[in-house]
Amino acid sequence: MGGWRDDPAMEDDDPPRISTGSSGLDDILGGGFDPDRVYLVEGRPGAGKTTLALQFLLEGARNGETTLYISLSETERELRLVAKRHGWSLRGVEIFELVPPEASLDPDRELTVFHPAEVELSETTRLIFDKVEAINPKRVVFDSLSELRMLAQNSLRYRRQILAVKHFFATRACTVLMLDDLSSGKDDLQLHSIAHGVIMLEQVAIDYGGDRRRLRVMKMRGIPFRGGYHDFTIRRGGLAIHPRLVAAEHHATFSSAPTPSGIPALDAMLGGGLERGTNALLLGAAGVGKSSLALAYVAAAAKRGEHAVFYAFDEGLGTILERAASLGTPLQPYIASGLVHLQQVDPAELAPGEFAALVRHAVEVDHARVIVIDSLNGYLSAMPDERFLVLQMHELLSYLAQLGVLTILVLAQHGLIGPSHSAVDLSYLSDSVLMLRYFEFQGQVRRALSVVKKRSSAHETSIREFRLGAQGLRIGPPLREFSGIFTGVPTYAGPPDPLLHDDDPRL
């Protein structure tokens, strides 16, 4: 968190906040802006400043407040087009398109003792003050300070002018957003010291995929806020701001009873099953059955009447549905009833904060009790740096654990037969780790399953063969006569026919 918290004894004297027009920004600020203050929103062109400013004014208009948009850089027609494309009506928002008076453009004025810029600056300021006094708005957007900076021509005159504007609004019950496009080419710390709060919007181009946008509250006097960077997107309807997930802020009371998989032999291997509020990592080569095992937990949750969500980073939804049907657990009825939600995720277009917001909505609004992320390899490709994957995944897993959600993580390893390795090691973050491996025996490719880690209870340490078919996932007895299964080419010292068959009476 940033900022500071007031003395609890003074909370009764704390004035009510006003909404910024964005629920995400309100959440970051702990309720919104302090009223009757001057705030600075800065960012390069295209970062989203105008959209955020319009949301701020439209929120005031919805509350019956008089609002004013002072534009020195965009025309009213351009602003109305922006609003139209967002599906907004600017009814209730006064737009003051400020054009310098004709007299200030007269070449004869250059012959006076006054510098033309001084005349234009004073005339511009007077027009702004006259307009504000005429309509007495509760919310004002000033777009943009770069125009005043050019008129002022030097930093001293510019600072004096900004202070004059601030002092003028200080005498009125009015909340002001000043927009700055950073045209000066460097951080203007003079503005930061004058404004009550500073919000930075950034647009970042990555090597592949769409641009990423993020927001940071750099300063907010007397307001506790959530520091750091927060991802956001610009959609029809405005800025969708996704506050950075802080797991410590979320807690719920829940039972830590085991969550059945629907496969009794698997639950026995896990010492009774995977407990709620824990996570399990499914490790193995491509195609070995990790996603099929995860789907078993999704289907079992739906049969119990619980909501489960499957986030697919690597496969299409059609492929997932076909696989589930081939395993004897068609998901369409559960999808139609709303108990199962399959969501395909494009990692090239999704910011990490946006994905965390999707998970939060599934848990807090749709009450999901089982979450599957398939796979972490796809999630990794959505991140600009591997370090951030581990940090964000740790926070996400802690959040899900504290709300009693069972989380299934799928991680594909490189290599089919023989030694395997993963693109990233998250086993230390996992409460349980299940290893799925191919192995070769008598000219056939087989599959083996073992539980290599479980924090919450004792578990079986044996390696068992498993098969996937129309009856689902079937697990055989321990492969006690084998050694070297994890190497991919085991040795066997037991009786004939030790492995599973379609008509095996032991199953």
Foldseek 3Di string as FASTA:
>chain_A
DDADADDPVCVVVQDAAAALLAPQVCVQLVGHADFLFEEEEEAAPPLAPLLSQLSNQVSCVVVVFQEEEEAADDDPVVSVVVQVQLVHDCVRYHYHDDDFDPVLVDPVVCPDPDHSLVVRLVRRLVVVLVVCVVPVTQEYEAHALVVSCVSQVDDVSSLVSVVVVRVSSSVGRHYYYYYYNCPVVDDDVSVVVRGQWYKYKYWADDPFFDIWIWIATPHHHPTDGNGDIWTWDQDSNGINTQDQFALVVDFDDDDQAAQDLPAVVVCQQVVRHHTFLFEEEEEEAPPLQQLLSLVSSLLSCVVVVAAEEEEALDDDPVVSQVQCQFQQRHCVVSVVVRRYHYHYDHLSHDALSNVLVVVCCCCVPVVHQEYEYHAVVSVCVSDRDNVVSQVSVLSSSSNSSRSRHYYYYYFHWPDAAFDTDGPDDPVVSHQWYKYKHWADDPRDIWIKIHTPHHNPDDGHGFIWTWDGGNNGIDTDDGQVQWDDVNRRYIDGDDDPPPHDDPVPPVD
